[in-house]
Amino acid sequence: MSESIKKAGSLKFKLVDLSYSVKDTFFKDVVKGMSCLKKFLEPKYFYDLNGSQLFDKICKTKEYYPTRTEEKILKDSINEIISISEGITHLIELGSGSSLKTKIILKNFIKKYGSIYYYPIDVSEILITTSHRLLKEFPELKLTTIISEYQEALKYVKKNISSTKLYVFLGSSIGNYERAGIISLLKSLSKAMNKNDILLVGMDMVKDIKVLQAAYNDKKGFTRKFNLNILQHINDELDANFDIKKFEHRAKFNSKESRIEMHLVSKEEQAVKIDGCKQLFHFAKGESIHTENSFKFTEKLIKEFSKEAGLKEVKKWSDDKKYFSVRMFVKG
């Protein structure tokens, strides 16, 4: 673990790096995923610079409703969120990325309190660039940027921040996990929280399958490019030789698991090599790499998951179509 002070012009923020060797972890995760009978990649590796830029484009497409819907919910409910969070001046955000929607919260908290302690957490070093931009826009921030996996970051927060906190996990990012993973992460959040802490979570709801599938198969093809870019990221960082043209994007709703699944399907029989790994990774025609889940929630599942995690829901906000929901929890 390392801590340092980074400068943004005349402004400063604290950087806590808990990531250790990111490249070594990336290599091990990719080899592990490619070695399984059902190949997979972890979705956190979507977000190199190009992947992050593509995701921003996805969020602006007509088909991808979650970002604009959640943003409107936050704008409509921010006064109530601030009222319920009265006196809290420490904001912890998981998977902050570019912090676009979080700006709604930051702007209004700063307006009320004059400044706020903000701790964005993400595995990507792009967070450093985002921190520079945030400080230029909000010089009132007291910013500590944490580059880390969520579990390690939550331990750091629990150990080092005694003040009452508002935890934020937006963008339906919690849906990227398997069911067991969702419950595990909620349990970790519950464990990290103190008695008066609050958790705000964005959750994408089950809806018409056509709406769901269109959101991950936009007509402009940004989601296809985003999905394929993870292979380019592996090529660039790990000296692999994935032929991007030999894979195709596929996204479909798995009703049994209540989730959209994204896959990269091999168009032909082929073999891939990753530098530093002795084995070749063989693909049959039609074989896929499972790259992402996007879990879709129901009221029943939210109650089950929160109860098992030791969390109690105190408030919820939704759009008129009930497409998306922002939930507020405390320790149960």
Protein backbone atom coordinates (compact mmCIF):
# COMPACT_ATOMS: atom_id res chain seq x y z
CA MET A 1 0.00 0.00 0.00
CA SER A 2 1.21 3.51 -0.76
CA GLU A 3 -0.11 6.99 -0.06
CA SER A 4 0.96 10.19 -1.76
CA ILE A 5 -0.16 13.72 -2.60
CA LYS A 6 -0.89 14.50 -6.24
CA LYS A 7 -1.22 18.02 -7.61
CA ALA A 8 -3.90 19.31 -9.96
CA GLY A 9 -2.52 22.71 -10.90
CA SER A 10 -2.40 24.55 -7.58
CA LEU A 11 -4.80 21.99 -6.08
CA LYS A 12 -3.93 18.80 -4.23
CA PHE A 13 -5.51 15.45 -3.50
CA LYS A 14 -4.40 12.43 -1.56
CA LEU A 15 -3.83 9.19 -3.46
CA VAL A 16 -4.10 5.84 -1.73
CA ASP A 17 -2.90 3.02 -3.98
CA LEU A 18 -3.86 -0.45 -2.74
CA SER A 19 -3.61 -2.07 -6.15
CA TYR A 20 -0.09 -3.48 -5.78
CA SER A 21 0.96 -4.88 -9.20
CA VAL A 22 -2.01 -4.27 -11.45
CA LYS A 23 -0.36 -5.94 -14.46
CA ASP A 24 0.44 -9.12 -12.52
CA THR A 25 -3.16 -9.33 -11.30
CA PHE A 26 -4.47 -8.69 -14.81
CA PHE A 27 -2.30 -11.50 -16.20
CA LYS A 28 -3.37 -13.99 -13.52
CA ASP A 29 -7.06 -13.13 -13.93
CA VAL A 30 -6.95 -13.48 -17.71
CA VAL A 31 -5.08 -16.80 -17.62
CA LYS A 32 -7.52 -18.09 -15.01
CA GLY A 33 -10.53 -17.08 -17.09
CA MET A 34 -9.13 -18.54 -20.31
CA SER A 35 -8.22 -21.82 -18.58
CA CYS A 36 -11.78 -22.57 -17.43
CA LEU A 37 -14.09 -24.92 -19.29
CA LYS A 38 -16.48 -21.99 -19.72
CA LYS A 39 -14.13 -19.12 -20.50
CA PHE A 40 -14.69 -15.74 -18.86
CA LEU A 41 -13.12 -12.33 -18.27
CA GLU A 42 -13.76 -9.96 -15.39
CA PRO A 43 -15.68 -6.85 -16.51
CA LYS A 44 -13.42 -4.48 -14.56
CA TYR A 45 -10.90 -4.95 -17.39
CA PHE A 46 -13.23 -3.25 -19.87
CA TYR A 47 -12.09 0.10 -18.56
CA ASP A 48 -8.82 1.06 -20.15
CA LEU A 49 -8.83 4.53 -21.71
CA ASN A 50 -10.55 3.42 -24.91
CA GLY A 51 -13.06 1.27 -23.01
CA SER A 52 -13.98 4.17 -20.73
CA GLN A 53 -14.49 6.47 -23.70
CA LEU A 54 -16.67 3.87 -25.44
CA PHE A 55 -18.76 3.40 -22.30
CA ASP A 56 -19.38 7.16 -22.16
CA LYS A 57 -20.70 6.89 -25.73
CA ILE A 58 -22.90 3.92 -24.79
CA CYS A 59 -24.46 6.00 -22.03
CA LYS A 60 -25.58 8.59 -24.59
CA THR A 61 -27.29 6.13 -26.95
CA LYS A 62 -31.06 6.07 -27.29
CA GLU A 63 -31.25 2.40 -26.29
CA TYR A 64 -29.18 2.57 -23.11
CA TYR A 65 -31.70 3.87 -20.57
CA PRO A 66 -29.91 3.22 -17.21
CA THR A 67 -27.60 6.26 -17.14
CA ARG A 68 -30.11 8.97 -18.06
CA THR A 69 -32.84 7.33 -15.97
CA GLU A 70 -30.68 7.14 -12.85
CA GLU A 71 -29.44 10.68 -13.43
CA LYS A 72 -33.01 12.00 -13.52
CA ILE A 73 -33.90 10.07 -10.37
CA LEU A 74 -30.93 11.62 -8.56
CA LYS A 75 -31.79 15.13 -9.73
CA ASP A 76 -35.41 14.71 -8.67
CA SER A 77 -34.58 13.21 -5.27
CA ILE A 78 -31.35 15.00 -4.28
CA ASN A 79 -33.00 17.33 -1.75
CA GLU A 80 -34.55 14.35 0.02
CA ILE A 81 -31.26 12.44 -0.09
CA ILE A 82 -29.47 15.38 1.53
CA SER A 83 -32.21 15.76 4.12
CA ILE A 84 -32.01 12.10 5.16
CA SER A 85 -28.20 12.33 5.16
CA GLU A 86 -28.24 15.40 7.41
CA GLY A 87 -24.82 16.12 8.90
CA ILE A 88 -22.89 13.60 6.78
CA THR A 89 -19.88 15.21 5.10
CA HIS A 90 -17.89 12.07 4.11
CA LEU A 91 -18.87 10.48 0.80
CA ILE A 92 -17.44 7.07 -0.22
CA GLU A 93 -18.10 5.96 -3.80
CA LEU A 94 -17.50 2.49 -5.21
CA GLY A 95 -16.77 2.22 -8.93
CA SER A 96 -16.74 5.97 -9.37
CA GLY A 97 -15.29 5.93 -12.90
CA SER A 98 -15.80 9.41 -14.34
CA SER A 99 -18.07 10.42 -11.40
CA LEU A 100 -20.57 12.00 -13.82
CA LYS A 101 -23.74 11.26 -11.85
CA THR A 102 -21.95 11.72 -8.54
CA LYS A 103 -21.47 15.38 -9.45
CA ILE A 104 -25.17 15.87 -8.73
CA ILE A 105 -24.58 14.73 -5.16
CA LEU A 106 -21.26 16.57 -4.76
CA LYS A 107 -22.62 19.86 -6.07
CA ASN A 108 -25.58 19.85 -3.70
CA PHE A 109 -23.63 18.66 -0.65
CA ILE A 110 -21.06 21.41 -1.23
CA LYS A 111 -23.87 23.93 -1.57
CA LYS A 112 -25.20 22.85 1.83
CA TYR A 113 -21.96 22.30 3.77
CA GLY A 114 -19.39 24.40 1.90
CA SER A 115 -17.09 21.41 1.36
CA ILE A 116 -17.19 17.62 1.50
CA TYR A 117 -14.74 14.76 1.99
CA TYR A 118 -14.92 12.59 -1.11
CA TYR A 119 -13.33 9.13 -1.45
CA PRO A 120 -13.77 7.73 -4.99
CA ILE A 121 -12.77 4.05 -5.31
CA ASP A 122 -11.92 2.31 -8.56
CA VAL A 123 -9.48 -0.31 -9.82
CA SER A 124 -8.49 1.80 -12.83
CA GLU A 125 -5.76 4.43 -12.72
CA ILE A 126 -8.02 6.56 -14.93
CA LEU A 127 -9.39 7.62 -11.56
CA ILE A 128 -6.32 9.86 -11.17
CA THR A 129 -7.25 11.83 -14.30
CA THR A 130 -10.84 12.07 -13.09
CA SER A 131 -9.64 13.38 -9.72
CA HIS A 132 -7.74 16.20 -11.42
CA ARG A 133 -10.86 17.17 -13.36
CA LEU A 134 -13.10 17.00 -10.29
CA LEU A 135 -10.85 19.29 -8.28
CA LYS A 136 -10.82 21.86 -11.06
CA GLU A 137 -14.61 21.78 -11.12
CA PHE A 138 -15.09 21.50 -7.35
CA PRO A 139 -12.07 23.06 -5.56
CA GLU A 140 -14.05 22.78 -2.31
CA LEU A 141 -13.56 18.99 -2.31
CA LYS A 142 -11.31 17.34 0.22
CA LEU A 143 -10.37 14.47 -2.03
CA THR A 144 -8.79 11.11 -1.26
CA THR A 145 -8.56 8.90 -4.34
CA ILE A 146 -8.38 5.15 -3.66
CA ILE A 147 -7.14 2.82 -6.41
CA SER A 148 -8.13 -0.61 -5.21
CA GLU A 149 -10.41 -3.61 -5.38
CA TYR A 150 -13.58 -2.93 -3.40
CA GLN A 151 -12.91 -5.37 -0.56
CA GLU A 152 -9.49 -3.89 0.26
CA ALA A 153 -10.78 -0.33 -0.08
CA LEU A 154 -13.67 -1.00 2.31
CA LYS A 155 -11.23 -2.33 4.90
CA TYR A 156 -9.16 0.83 4.49
CA VAL A 157 -12.23 3.05 4.93
CA LYS A 158 -13.39 1.11 8.00
CA LYS A 159 -9.97 1.43 9.61
CA ASN A 160 -9.18 5.04 8.73
CA ILE A 161 -12.46 6.99 8.65
CA SER A 162 -14.43 7.19 11.88
CA SER A 163 -16.84 9.93 10.73
CA THR A 164 -20.39 9.11 9.67
CA LYS A 165 -20.38 8.29 5.97
CA LEU A 166 -22.61 8.10 2.91
CA TYR A 167 -21.60 5.12 0.75
CA VAL A 168 -22.60 5.42 -2.91
CA PHE A 169 -22.69 2.64 -5.52
CA LEU A 170 -24.37 3.97 -8.67
CA GLY A 171 -24.79 2.93 -12.29
CA SER A 172 -26.27 -0.49 -11.48
CA SER A 173 -22.63 -1.65 -11.15
CA ILE A 174 -23.68 -4.02 -8.39
CA GLY A 175 -25.46 -5.99 -11.12
CA ASN A 176 -22.12 -7.02 -12.67
CA TYR A 177 -21.81 -9.79 -10.09
CA GLU A 178 -23.31 -13.26 -9.79
CA ARG A 179 -26.08 -13.55 -7.19
CA ALA A 180 -23.64 -14.83 -4.58
CA GLY A 181 -21.26 -12.00 -5.45
CA ILE A 182 -23.98 -9.36 -5.03
CA ILE A 183 -24.81 -10.68 -1.57
CA SER A 184 -21.11 -10.93 -0.67
CA LEU A 185 -20.44 -7.33 -1.67
CA LEU A 186 -23.52 -6.08 0.18
CA LYS A 187 -22.29 -7.97 3.25
CA SER A 188 -18.89 -6.30 2.91
CA LEU A 189 -20.54 -2.91 2.71
CA SER A 190 -22.70 -3.69 5.72
CA LYS A 191 -19.63 -4.80 7.66
CA ALA A 192 -17.75 -1.62 6.73
CA MET A 193 -20.65 0.62 7.75
CA ASN A 194 -21.03 2.11 11.21
CA LYS A 195 -24.37 2.47 12.96
CA ASN A 196 -25.34 5.83 11.43
CA ASP A 197 -23.81 5.31 7.99
CA ILE A 198 -26.03 5.27 4.89
CA LEU A 199 -25.72 3.29 1.66
CA LEU A 200 -27.15 4.54 -1.66
CA VAL A 201 -27.33 1.93 -4.46
CA GLY A 202 -28.50 2.13 -8.07
CA MET A 203 -30.40 -0.99 -9.19
CA ASP A 204 -31.67 -1.82 -12.67
CA MET A 205 -35.06 -3.52 -12.58
CA VAL A 206 -36.53 -6.39 -14.59
CA LYS A 207 -38.56 -5.09 -17.53
CA ASP A 208 -39.61 -5.94 -21.09
CA ILE A 209 -36.97 -8.22 -22.64
CA LYS A 210 -36.93 -6.18 -25.86
CA VAL A 211 -35.99 -3.05 -23.91
CA LEU A 212 -33.28 -4.94 -22.02
CA GLN A 213 -31.70 -6.55 -25.06
CA ALA A 214 -31.80 -3.35 -27.12
CA ALA A 215 -29.84 -1.56 -24.36
CA TYR A 216 -26.90 -3.91 -24.91
CA ASN A 217 -27.17 -4.08 -28.70
CA ASP A 218 -27.32 -0.41 -29.69
CA LYS A 219 -27.70 0.40 -33.39
CA LYS A 220 -24.51 2.50 -33.49
CA GLY A 221 -22.52 -0.52 -32.29
CA PHE A 222 -20.79 1.13 -29.35
CA THR A 223 -21.57 -1.81 -27.04
CA ARG A 224 -20.14 -4.23 -29.61
CA LYS A 225 -16.93 -2.16 -29.81
CA PHE A 226 -16.83 -1.87 -26.01
CA ASN A 227 -17.12 -5.63 -25.58
CA LEU A 228 -14.48 -6.41 -28.23
CA ASN A 229 -12.13 -3.79 -26.80
CA ILE A 230 -11.43 -5.97 -23.76
CA LEU A 231 -9.51 -8.29 -26.12
CA GLN A 232 -7.55 -5.32 -27.45
CA HIS A 233 -6.80 -4.31 -23.87
CA ILE A 234 -5.35 -7.78 -23.24
CA ASN A 235 -3.32 -7.57 -26.46
CA ASP A 236 -1.93 -4.15 -25.51
CA GLU A 237 -1.12 -4.86 -21.87
CA LEU A 238 -0.22 -8.55 -21.91
CA ASP A 239 1.18 -8.99 -25.43
CA ALA A 240 -1.52 -11.45 -26.42
CA ASN A 241 -2.50 -12.15 -30.02
CA PHE A 242 -6.31 -12.13 -30.00
CA ASP A 243 -7.56 -11.50 -33.55
CA ILE A 244 -10.45 -9.14 -32.82
CA LYS A 245 -12.05 -9.78 -36.21
CA LYS A 246 -12.48 -13.45 -35.33
CA PHE A 247 -14.88 -12.70 -32.44
CA GLU A 248 -18.38 -11.27 -32.41
CA HIS A 249 -20.40 -9.51 -29.72
CA ARG A 250 -23.47 -11.21 -28.30
CA ALA A 251 -25.77 -9.95 -25.54
CA LYS A 252 -28.94 -11.71 -24.40
CA PHE A 253 -31.25 -11.86 -21.39
CA ASN A 254 -30.99 -14.98 -19.23
CA SER A 255 -34.41 -15.07 -17.56
CA LYS A 256 -33.46 -17.92 -15.23
CA GLU A 257 -30.59 -15.91 -13.74
CA SER A 258 -32.38 -12.55 -14.15
CA ARG A 259 -29.49 -10.95 -16.02
CA ILE A 260 -28.20 -9.72 -19.33
CA GLU A 261 -25.13 -11.72 -20.31
CA MET A 262 -22.47 -10.36 -22.64
CA HIS A 263 -20.29 -12.80 -24.55
CA LEU A 264 -17.59 -12.72 -27.21
CA VAL A 265 -18.19 -15.63 -29.57
CA SER A 266 -15.43 -17.19 -31.65
CA LYS A 267 -16.35 -17.17 -35.34
CA GLU A 268 -13.99 -20.05 -36.11
CA GLU A 269 -11.67 -22.60 -34.55
CA GLN A 270 -8.55 -20.77 -33.38
CA ALA A 271 -5.80 -20.58 -30.75
CA VAL A 272 -4.57 -17.59 -28.75
CA LYS A 273 -1.23 -17.00 -27.05
CA ILE A 274 -0.52 -14.71 -24.09
CA ASP A 275 3.09 -13.67 -23.53
CA GLY A 276 4.57 -15.35 -20.44
CA CYS A 277 2.09 -18.21 -20.51
CA LYS A 278 3.28 -21.56 -21.90
CA GLN A 279 -0.13 -22.87 -22.89
CA LEU A 280 -2.17 -21.96 -25.95
CA PHE A 281 -5.83 -21.19 -25.43
CA HIS A 282 -7.97 -23.01 -27.97
CA PHE A 283 -11.41 -21.92 -29.14
CA ALA A 284 -13.93 -24.02 -31.01
CA LYS A 285 -16.18 -22.33 -33.53
CA GLY A 286 -19.13 -20.89 -31.57
CA GLU A 287 -17.31 -21.06 -28.22
CA SER A 288 -17.72 -17.92 -26.15
CA ILE A 289 -15.97 -15.82 -23.54
CA HIS A 290 -18.40 -14.61 -20.90
CA THR A 291 -17.38 -10.98 -20.35
CA GLU A 292 -20.13 -9.42 -18.24
CA ASN A 293 -23.35 -9.90 -16.33
CA SER A 294 -25.87 -7.16 -15.77
CA PHE A 295 -28.27 -8.42 -13.10
CA LYS A 296 -31.83 -7.10 -13.18
CA PHE A 297 -33.60 -6.82 -9.85
CA THR A 298 -37.15 -7.37 -8.60
CA GLU A 299 -38.64 -6.08 -5.35
CA LYS A 300 -38.58 -9.61 -3.97
CA LEU A 301 -34.89 -10.12 -4.78
CA ILE A 302 -33.90 -6.75 -3.30
CA LYS A 303 -35.62 -7.68 -0.04
CA GLU A 304 -33.94 -11.10 0.01
CA PHE A 305 -30.46 -9.76 -0.76
CA SER A 306 -30.60 -6.84 1.68
CA LYS A 307 -31.93 -9.01 4.50
CA GLU A 308 -29.18 -11.59 4.00
CA ALA A 309 -26.57 -8.82 3.95
CA GLY A 310 -27.81 -7.27 7.19
CA LEU A 311 -29.15 -4.10 5.57
CA LYS A 312 -32.46 -2.33 6.08
CA GLU A 313 -34.07 -0.29 3.30
CA VAL A 314 -35.23 3.14 4.45
CA LYS A 315 -36.14 4.80 1.15
CA LYS A 316 -36.42 4.12 -2.57
CA TRP A 317 -36.81 6.31 -5.64
CA SER A 318 -37.82 5.20 -9.14
CA ASP A 319 -38.69 6.65 -12.54
CA ASP A 320 -42.26 6.67 -13.87
CA LYS A 321 -41.73 3.49 -15.90
CA LYS A 322 -40.11 1.66 -12.97
CA TYR A 323 -37.12 0.91 -15.17
CA PHE A 324 -34.56 1.85 -12.56
CA SER A 325 -34.41 2.33 -8.81
CA VAL A 326 -32.13 4.11 -6.35
CA ARG A 327 -32.26 2.51 -2.89
CA MET A 328 -31.13 3.82 0.48
CA PHE A 329 -30.06 1.37 3.20
CA VAL A 330 -28.78 1.45 6.77
CA LYS A 331 -27.39 -1.38 8.86
CA GLY A 332 -30.19 -3.73 9.84
